[in-house]
Amino acid sequence: MNTDLSILTLIMDASIIVKAVMLLLLGASISSWAVIIEKSKLLKQSIDAADDFEAEFWSGGDLYTMYKNISDSDDDQLGMAGIFEHGFREFGRLKDQSIISAEQIVEGSRRSMRVAQLREVDRLENHLAFLATVGSTSPYIGLFG
């Protein structure tokens, strides 16, 4: 009777189905950690960008100047800056139309900002369904193996 219980021996002596399940779980684990690391970096960047935007927004400066600085920037504006940019752009577009009331201008700006906010939430929630699926199915796959 062989009493060597090293990890390598256990893996080598396992059946092909068990090896396939272990490989599948290893791949799911590596993919999950890649998504987790990417998400943590993205959230850190988003928090830093939001803090920077809030500091500038509440500093009491001119909103039009702030909008020009954001819109003239080469990179895509994400987070709060992008939401502000969309809302201010829509505000300016609707304000130039003389037949629209003030309430309609504000509602149009709100609608534009809501759409930008939903896009930002979708961007931040990307790959969360994958993590939820892996987290809920991995124990059962492991039990199968």
N, C-alpha and C. Protein backbone atom coordinates (compact mmCIF):
# COMPACT_ATOMS: atom_id res chain seq x y z
N MET A 1 0.84 -1.18 0.00
CA MET A 1 0.00 0.00 0.00
C MET A 1 0.88 1.25 0.00
N ASN A 2 0.59 2.15 -0.91
CA ASN A 2 1.35 3.38 -1.05
C ASN A 2 0.79 4.42 -0.09
N THR A 3 1.61 4.93 0.82
CA THR A 3 1.16 5.90 1.81
C THR A 3 1.64 7.31 1.50
N ASP A 4 2.19 7.51 0.30
CA ASP A 4 2.66 8.84 -0.09
C ASP A 4 1.44 9.69 -0.45
N LEU A 5 1.15 10.71 0.36
CA LEU A 5 -0.02 11.55 0.14
C LEU A 5 0.36 12.97 -0.28
N SER A 6 1.40 13.08 -1.08
CA SER A 6 1.76 14.42 -1.56
C SER A 6 0.74 14.89 -2.59
N ILE A 7 0.66 16.19 -2.74
CA ILE A 7 -0.30 16.78 -3.68
C ILE A 7 -0.05 16.28 -5.09
N LEU A 8 1.20 16.25 -5.48
CA LEU A 8 1.56 15.81 -6.83
C LEU A 8 1.14 14.36 -7.07
N THR A 9 1.36 13.49 -6.09
CA THR A 9 0.98 12.09 -6.24
C THR A 9 -0.54 11.95 -6.33
N LEU A 10 -1.26 12.71 -5.52
CA LEU A 10 -2.73 12.66 -5.58
C LEU A 10 -3.25 13.12 -6.94
N ILE A 11 -2.64 14.16 -7.49
CA ILE A 11 -3.08 14.66 -8.80
C ILE A 11 -2.76 13.64 -9.89
N MET A 12 -1.56 13.09 -9.85
CA MET A 12 -1.16 12.14 -10.89
C MET A 12 -1.98 10.84 -10.84
N ASP A 13 -2.41 10.41 -9.66
CA ASP A 13 -3.18 9.17 -9.52
C ASP A 13 -4.68 9.37 -9.75
N ALA A 14 -5.12 10.62 -9.92
CA ALA A 14 -6.55 10.89 -10.10
C ALA A 14 -7.00 10.46 -11.49
N SER A 15 -8.31 10.21 -11.61
CA SER A 15 -8.87 9.83 -12.92
C SER A 15 -8.90 11.04 -13.84
N ILE A 16 -9.16 10.80 -15.11
CA ILE A 16 -9.18 11.88 -16.10
C ILE A 16 -10.29 12.89 -15.81
N ILE A 17 -11.41 12.43 -15.29
CA ILE A 17 -12.52 13.34 -14.96
C ILE A 17 -12.12 14.26 -13.82
N VAL A 18 -11.47 13.70 -12.80
CA VAL A 18 -11.03 14.52 -11.66
C VAL A 18 -9.98 15.53 -12.12
N LYS A 19 -9.07 15.11 -12.98
CA LYS A 19 -8.06 16.04 -13.50
C LYS A 19 -8.71 17.16 -14.30
N ALA A 20 -9.72 16.82 -15.11
CA ALA A 20 -10.43 17.83 -15.90
C ALA A 20 -11.15 18.82 -14.99
N VAL A 21 -11.78 18.32 -13.93
CA VAL A 21 -12.48 19.20 -12.99
C VAL A 21 -11.48 20.11 -12.27
N MET A 22 -10.35 19.57 -11.86
CA MET A 22 -9.33 20.40 -11.20
C MET A 22 -8.80 21.46 -12.15
N LEU A 23 -8.60 21.11 -13.40
CA LEU A 23 -8.13 22.07 -14.39
C LEU A 23 -9.18 23.17 -14.62
N LEU A 24 -10.45 22.76 -14.69
CA LEU A 24 -11.53 23.72 -14.86
C LEU A 24 -11.59 24.68 -13.67
N LEU A 25 -11.48 24.16 -12.46
CA LEU A 25 -11.52 24.99 -11.27
C LEU A 25 -10.30 25.91 -11.17
N LEU A 26 -9.15 25.41 -11.59
CA LEU A 26 -7.95 26.24 -11.60
C LEU A 26 -8.11 27.40 -12.59
N GLY A 27 -8.64 27.10 -13.78
CA GLY A 27 -8.89 28.16 -14.77
C GLY A 27 -9.90 29.18 -14.28
N ALA A 28 -10.96 28.70 -13.62
CA ALA A 28 -11.97 29.63 -13.08
C ALA A 28 -11.36 30.50 -11.98
N SER A 29 -10.50 29.91 -11.17
CA SER A 29 -9.86 30.67 -10.10
C SER A 29 -8.93 31.74 -10.66
N ILE A 30 -8.13 31.38 -11.63
CA ILE A 30 -7.21 32.36 -12.23
C ILE A 30 -7.99 33.48 -12.91
N SER A 31 -9.05 33.11 -13.64
CA SER A 31 -9.87 34.13 -14.30
C SER A 31 -10.54 35.04 -13.28
N SER A 32 -11.02 34.47 -12.20
CA SER A 32 -11.67 35.27 -11.16
C SER A 32 -10.70 36.24 -10.53
N TRP A 33 -9.50 35.79 -10.22
CA TRP A 33 -8.52 36.68 -9.63
C TRP A 33 -8.12 37.79 -10.60
N ALA A 34 -8.07 37.48 -11.88
CA ALA A 34 -7.75 38.52 -12.87
C ALA A 34 -8.85 39.59 -12.88
N VAL A 35 -10.11 39.15 -12.83
CA VAL A 35 -11.23 40.10 -12.81
C VAL A 35 -11.21 40.91 -11.51
N ILE A 36 -10.94 40.25 -10.40
CA ILE A 36 -10.91 40.93 -9.10
C ILE A 36 -9.83 42.01 -9.08
N ILE A 37 -8.66 41.69 -9.58
CA ILE A 37 -7.56 42.67 -9.60
C ILE A 37 -7.90 43.83 -10.53
N GLU A 38 -8.46 43.51 -11.71
CA GLU A 38 -8.86 44.56 -12.65
C GLU A 38 -9.93 45.46 -12.03
N LYS A 39 -10.91 44.86 -11.36
CA LYS A 39 -11.98 45.64 -10.71
C LYS A 39 -11.43 46.52 -9.60
N SER A 40 -10.51 46.01 -8.82
CA SER A 40 -9.97 46.82 -7.73
C SER A 40 -9.21 48.03 -8.28
N LYS A 41 -8.46 47.84 -9.36
CA LYS A 41 -7.76 48.98 -9.99
C LYS A 41 -8.77 49.99 -10.56
N LEU A 42 -9.81 49.48 -11.23
CA LEU A 42 -10.82 50.34 -11.83
C LEU A 42 -11.55 51.14 -10.76
N LEU A 43 -11.91 50.49 -9.66
CA LEU A 43 -12.62 51.20 -8.59
C LEU A 43 -11.72 52.23 -7.92
N LYS A 44 -10.46 51.92 -7.75
CA LYS A 44 -9.51 52.89 -7.17
C LYS A 44 -9.40 54.11 -8.07
N GLN A 45 -9.26 53.88 -9.39
CA GLN A 45 -9.19 55.00 -10.34
C GLN A 45 -10.48 55.82 -10.31
N SER A 46 -11.62 55.14 -10.25
CA SER A 46 -12.91 55.83 -10.24
C SER A 46 -13.08 56.67 -8.99
N ILE A 47 -12.67 56.14 -7.85
CA ILE A 47 -12.78 56.89 -6.60
C ILE A 47 -11.87 58.12 -6.63
N ASP A 48 -10.64 57.94 -7.10
CA ASP A 48 -9.71 59.07 -7.20
C ASP A 48 -10.24 60.15 -8.15
N ALA A 49 -10.77 59.71 -9.31
CA ALA A 49 -11.32 60.67 -10.28
C ALA A 49 -12.54 61.39 -9.70
N ALA A 50 -13.37 60.67 -8.97
CA ALA A 50 -14.55 61.29 -8.36
C ALA A 50 -14.13 62.32 -7.30
N ASP A 51 -13.13 61.99 -6.51
CA ASP A 51 -12.64 62.93 -5.50
C ASP A 51 -12.08 64.19 -6.16
N ASP A 52 -11.31 64.01 -7.23
CA ASP A 52 -10.75 65.15 -7.95
C ASP A 52 -11.85 66.03 -8.54
N PHE A 53 -12.85 65.38 -9.15
CA PHE A 53 -13.95 66.14 -9.75
C PHE A 53 -14.73 66.90 -8.68
N GLU A 54 -15.04 66.24 -7.58
CA GLU A 54 -15.80 66.91 -6.52
C GLU A 54 -15.05 68.11 -5.96
N ALA A 55 -13.75 67.96 -5.77
CA ALA A 55 -12.96 69.08 -5.25
C ALA A 55 -13.03 70.26 -6.21
N GLU A 56 -12.93 69.98 -7.50
CA GLU A 56 -13.00 71.07 -8.49
C GLU A 56 -14.41 71.65 -8.58
N PHE A 57 -15.42 70.78 -8.55
CA PHE A 57 -16.81 71.22 -8.69
C PHE A 57 -17.22 72.12 -7.53
N TRP A 58 -16.89 71.72 -6.31
CA TRP A 58 -17.32 72.47 -5.14
C TRP A 58 -16.37 73.61 -4.78
N SER A 59 -15.35 73.84 -5.59
CA SER A 59 -14.42 74.93 -5.31
C SER A 59 -15.02 76.29 -5.61
N GLY A 60 -16.14 76.31 -6.32
CA GLY A 60 -16.81 77.57 -6.60
C GLY A 60 -16.39 78.23 -7.90
N GLY A 61 -15.67 77.49 -8.74
CA GLY A 61 -15.25 78.03 -10.02
C GLY A 61 -16.38 78.09 -11.02
N ASP A 62 -16.10 78.64 -12.16
CA ASP A 62 -17.07 78.78 -13.24
C ASP A 62 -17.35 77.41 -13.86
N LEU A 63 -18.63 77.04 -13.96
CA LEU A 63 -19.00 75.73 -14.50
C LEU A 63 -18.68 75.62 -15.99
N TYR A 64 -18.84 76.71 -16.73
CA TYR A 64 -18.53 76.67 -18.15
C TYR A 64 -17.05 76.41 -18.38
N THR A 65 -16.19 77.05 -17.60
CA THR A 65 -14.75 76.82 -17.71
C THR A 65 -14.42 75.37 -17.36
N MET A 66 -15.08 74.87 -16.33
CA MET A 66 -14.87 73.48 -15.94
C MET A 66 -15.32 72.53 -17.06
N TYR A 67 -16.47 72.83 -17.67
CA TYR A 67 -16.97 72.02 -18.77
C TYR A 67 -15.98 72.06 -19.95
N LYS A 68 -15.46 73.22 -20.28
CA LYS A 68 -14.50 73.33 -21.40
C LYS A 68 -13.24 72.52 -21.10
N ASN A 69 -12.75 72.57 -19.87
CA ASN A 69 -11.56 71.80 -19.51
C ASN A 69 -11.82 70.29 -19.65
N ILE A 70 -13.00 69.87 -19.24
CA ILE A 70 -13.34 68.44 -19.33
C ILE A 70 -13.53 68.02 -20.78
N SER A 71 -14.27 68.82 -21.55
CA SER A 71 -14.56 68.44 -22.93
C SER A 71 -13.34 68.56 -23.84
N ASP A 72 -12.40 69.45 -23.51
CA ASP A 72 -11.19 69.60 -24.32
C ASP A 72 -10.15 68.54 -24.01
N SER A 73 -10.34 67.80 -22.95
CA SER A 73 -9.39 66.76 -22.57
C SER A 73 -9.39 65.65 -23.62
N ASP A 74 -8.21 65.08 -23.88
CA ASP A 74 -8.08 64.04 -24.90
C ASP A 74 -8.69 62.72 -24.47
N ASP A 75 -8.62 62.38 -23.19
CA ASP A 75 -9.13 61.08 -22.75
C ASP A 75 -10.64 61.14 -22.55
N ASP A 76 -11.24 59.96 -22.65
CA ASP A 76 -12.67 59.83 -22.40
C ASP A 76 -12.96 60.16 -20.95
N GLN A 77 -13.91 61.02 -20.72
CA GLN A 77 -14.26 61.37 -19.35
C GLN A 77 -15.20 60.33 -18.80
N LEU A 78 -14.81 59.76 -17.68
CA LEU A 78 -15.60 58.72 -17.04
C LEU A 78 -16.04 59.21 -15.67
N GLY A 79 -16.96 58.51 -15.09
CA GLY A 79 -17.40 58.85 -13.75
C GLY A 79 -18.18 60.14 -13.70
N MET A 80 -17.98 60.85 -12.61
CA MET A 80 -18.73 62.08 -12.37
C MET A 80 -18.43 63.16 -13.41
N ALA A 81 -17.19 63.22 -13.86
CA ALA A 81 -16.83 64.22 -14.87
C ALA A 81 -17.59 63.95 -16.18
N GLY A 82 -17.71 62.69 -16.56
CA GLY A 82 -18.45 62.35 -17.77
C GLY A 82 -19.94 62.65 -17.63
N ILE A 83 -20.49 62.38 -16.47
CA ILE A 83 -21.91 62.66 -16.22
C ILE A 83 -22.15 64.17 -16.30
N PHE A 84 -21.25 64.94 -15.66
CA PHE A 84 -21.35 66.40 -15.72
C PHE A 84 -21.25 66.90 -17.15
N GLU A 85 -20.29 66.35 -17.90
CA GLU A 85 -20.08 66.78 -19.28
C GLU A 85 -21.34 66.55 -20.12
N HIS A 86 -21.94 65.37 -20.00
CA HIS A 86 -23.15 65.08 -20.77
C HIS A 86 -24.29 66.02 -20.39
N GLY A 87 -24.48 66.23 -19.09
CA GLY A 87 -25.56 67.10 -18.63
C GLY A 87 -25.36 68.54 -19.05
N PHE A 88 -24.14 69.05 -18.93
CA PHE A 88 -23.88 70.44 -19.30
C PHE A 88 -23.98 70.65 -20.80
N ARG A 89 -23.53 69.66 -21.57
CA ARG A 89 -23.65 69.75 -23.04
C ARG A 89 -25.12 69.82 -23.45
N GLU A 90 -25.94 68.95 -22.83
CA GLU A 90 -27.37 68.94 -23.16
C GLU A 90 -28.02 70.24 -22.70
N PHE A 91 -27.62 70.75 -21.55
CA PHE A 91 -28.13 72.03 -21.06
C PHE A 91 -27.84 73.14 -22.07
N GLY A 92 -26.60 73.21 -22.56
CA GLY A 92 -26.23 74.23 -23.53
C GLY A 92 -26.98 74.09 -24.84
N ARG A 93 -27.16 72.84 -25.28
CA ARG A 93 -27.87 72.60 -26.53
C ARG A 93 -29.33 73.03 -26.41
N LEU A 94 -29.98 72.66 -25.31
CA LEU A 94 -31.39 73.00 -25.14
C LEU A 94 -31.59 74.49 -24.84
N LYS A 95 -30.63 75.11 -24.17
CA LYS A 95 -30.73 76.53 -23.83
C LYS A 95 -30.71 77.40 -25.09
N ASP A 96 -30.01 76.94 -26.13
CA ASP A 96 -29.93 77.70 -27.38
C ASP A 96 -31.25 77.68 -28.16
N GLN A 97 -32.13 76.76 -27.83
CA GLN A 97 -33.43 76.70 -28.50
C GLN A 97 -34.40 77.61 -27.76
N SER A 98 -34.97 78.56 -28.45
CA SER A 98 -35.78 79.59 -27.79
C SER A 98 -37.18 79.11 -27.41
N ILE A 99 -37.67 78.02 -28.00
CA ILE A 99 -39.05 77.61 -27.73
C ILE A 99 -39.17 76.66 -26.54
N ILE A 100 -38.08 76.34 -25.90
CA ILE A 100 -38.10 75.38 -24.81
C ILE A 100 -38.12 76.13 -23.47
N SER A 101 -38.99 75.65 -22.57
CA SER A 101 -39.09 76.28 -21.26
C SER A 101 -37.93 75.86 -20.35
N ALA A 102 -37.78 76.56 -19.25
CA ALA A 102 -36.71 76.26 -18.30
C ALA A 102 -36.86 74.85 -17.72
N GLU A 103 -38.10 74.44 -17.44
CA GLU A 103 -38.34 73.10 -16.90
C GLU A 103 -37.91 72.02 -17.90
N GLN A 104 -38.18 72.25 -19.18
CA GLN A 104 -37.79 71.28 -20.20
C GLN A 104 -36.27 71.22 -20.35
N ILE A 105 -35.61 72.35 -20.19
CA ILE A 105 -34.15 72.37 -20.27
C ILE A 105 -33.56 71.55 -19.12
N VAL A 106 -34.07 71.78 -17.92
CA VAL A 106 -33.57 71.04 -16.76
C VAL A 106 -33.88 69.55 -16.90
N GLU A 107 -35.07 69.21 -17.35
CA GLU A 107 -35.44 67.81 -17.51
C GLU A 107 -34.59 67.13 -18.58
N GLY A 108 -34.30 67.83 -19.67
CA GLY A 108 -33.43 67.28 -20.70
C GLY A 108 -32.02 67.04 -20.18
N SER A 109 -31.52 67.96 -19.37
CA SER A 109 -30.20 67.78 -18.76
C SER A 109 -30.19 66.61 -17.80
N ARG A 110 -31.24 66.49 -17.00
CA ARG A 110 -31.36 65.36 -16.07
C ARG A 110 -31.37 64.03 -16.82
N ARG A 111 -32.14 63.98 -17.90
CA ARG A 111 -32.25 62.76 -18.69
C ARG A 111 -30.88 62.37 -19.28
N SER A 112 -30.16 63.35 -19.78
CA SER A 112 -28.84 63.09 -20.34
C SER A 112 -27.88 62.59 -19.25
N MET A 113 -27.95 63.20 -18.08
CA MET A 113 -27.09 62.78 -16.98
C MET A 113 -27.47 61.39 -16.48
N ARG A 114 -28.75 61.07 -16.48
CA ARG A 114 -29.20 59.73 -16.08
C ARG A 114 -28.66 58.66 -17.02
N VAL A 115 -28.68 58.94 -18.31
CA VAL A 115 -28.15 58.00 -19.30
C VAL A 115 -26.64 57.81 -19.09
N ALA A 116 -25.93 58.91 -18.88
CA ALA A 116 -24.49 58.83 -18.64
C ALA A 116 -24.20 58.06 -17.36
N GLN A 117 -25.02 58.26 -16.34
CA GLN A 117 -24.85 57.54 -15.08
C GLN A 117 -25.07 56.04 -15.28
N LEU A 118 -26.08 55.67 -16.02
CA LEU A 118 -26.34 54.25 -16.28
C LEU A 118 -25.20 53.61 -17.06
N ARG A 119 -24.63 54.33 -18.00
CA ARG A 119 -23.47 53.82 -18.74
C ARG A 119 -22.28 53.61 -17.80
N GLU A 120 -22.08 54.53 -16.89
CA GLU A 120 -20.98 54.42 -15.93
C GLU A 120 -21.19 53.23 -14.99
N VAL A 121 -22.42 53.03 -14.54
CA VAL A 121 -22.72 51.88 -13.69
C VAL A 121 -22.48 50.59 -14.45
N ASP A 122 -22.90 50.54 -15.70
CA ASP A 122 -22.64 49.34 -16.52
C ASP A 122 -21.15 49.08 -16.67
N ARG A 123 -20.38 50.14 -16.86
CA ARG A 123 -18.93 49.99 -16.99
C ARG A 123 -18.31 49.44 -15.70
N LEU A 124 -18.78 49.95 -14.58
CA LEU A 124 -18.24 49.51 -13.30
C LEU A 124 -18.70 48.10 -12.92
N GLU A 125 -19.88 47.70 -13.39
CA GLU A 125 -20.42 46.38 -13.05
C GLU A 125 -20.00 45.30 -14.05
N ASN A 126 -19.23 45.66 -15.06
CA ASN A 126 -18.80 44.70 -16.06
C ASN A 126 -18.07 43.52 -15.40
N HIS A 127 -18.37 42.31 -15.79
CA HIS A 127 -17.78 41.05 -15.31
C HIS A 127 -18.24 40.63 -13.92
N LEU A 128 -19.13 41.37 -13.28
CA LEU A 128 -19.60 40.93 -11.97
C LEU A 128 -20.47 39.68 -12.08
N ALA A 129 -21.19 39.52 -13.17
CA ALA A 129 -22.00 38.32 -13.37
C ALA A 129 -21.10 37.09 -13.48
N PHE A 130 -19.93 37.25 -14.11
CA PHE A 130 -18.98 36.14 -14.20
C PHE A 130 -18.52 35.73 -12.81
N LEU A 131 -18.17 36.70 -11.97
CA LEU A 131 -17.73 36.38 -10.61
C LEU A 131 -18.84 35.70 -9.81
N ALA A 132 -20.06 36.16 -9.97
CA ALA A 132 -21.18 35.55 -9.26
C ALA A 132 -21.41 34.12 -9.73
N THR A 133 -21.31 33.89 -11.02
CA THR A 133 -21.50 32.54 -11.56
C THR A 133 -20.41 31.60 -11.07
N VAL A 134 -19.17 32.03 -11.14
CA VAL A 134 -18.06 31.20 -10.68
C VAL A 134 -18.19 30.91 -9.19
N GLY A 135 -18.54 31.93 -8.43
CA GLY A 135 -18.67 31.76 -6.99
C GLY A 135 -19.79 30.82 -6.59
N SER A 136 -20.86 30.81 -7.34
CA SER A 136 -21.99 29.96 -6.97
C SER A 136 -21.89 28.55 -7.54
N THR A 137 -21.18 28.36 -8.65
CA THR A 137 -21.11 27.03 -9.25
C THR A 137 -19.87 26.24 -8.87
N SER A 138 -18.81 26.90 -8.49
CA SER A 138 -17.56 26.20 -8.18
C SER A 138 -17.68 25.13 -7.11
N PRO A 139 -18.42 25.35 -6.02
CA PRO A 139 -18.54 24.27 -5.03
C PRO A 139 -19.18 23.00 -5.60
N TYR A 140 -20.16 23.17 -6.46
CA TYR A 140 -20.84 22.01 -7.02
C TYR A 140 -19.96 21.29 -8.03
N ILE A 141 -19.19 22.07 -8.81
CA ILE A 141 -18.25 21.45 -9.74
C ILE A 141 -17.19 20.69 -8.97
N GLY A 142 -16.72 21.27 -7.87
CA GLY A 142 -15.73 20.60 -7.03
C GLY A 142 -16.28 19.32 -6.43
N LEU A 143 -17.52 19.33 -6.02
CA LEU A 143 -18.15 18.12 -5.48
C LEU A 143 -18.29 17.03 -6.55
N PHE A 144 -18.54 17.46 -7.78
CA PHE A 144 -18.62 16.50 -8.88
C PHE A 144 -17.29 15.78 -9.07
N GLY A 145 -16.20 16.54 -8.98
CA GLY A 145 -14.87 15.97 -9.18
C GLY A 145 -14.51 15.03 -8.07
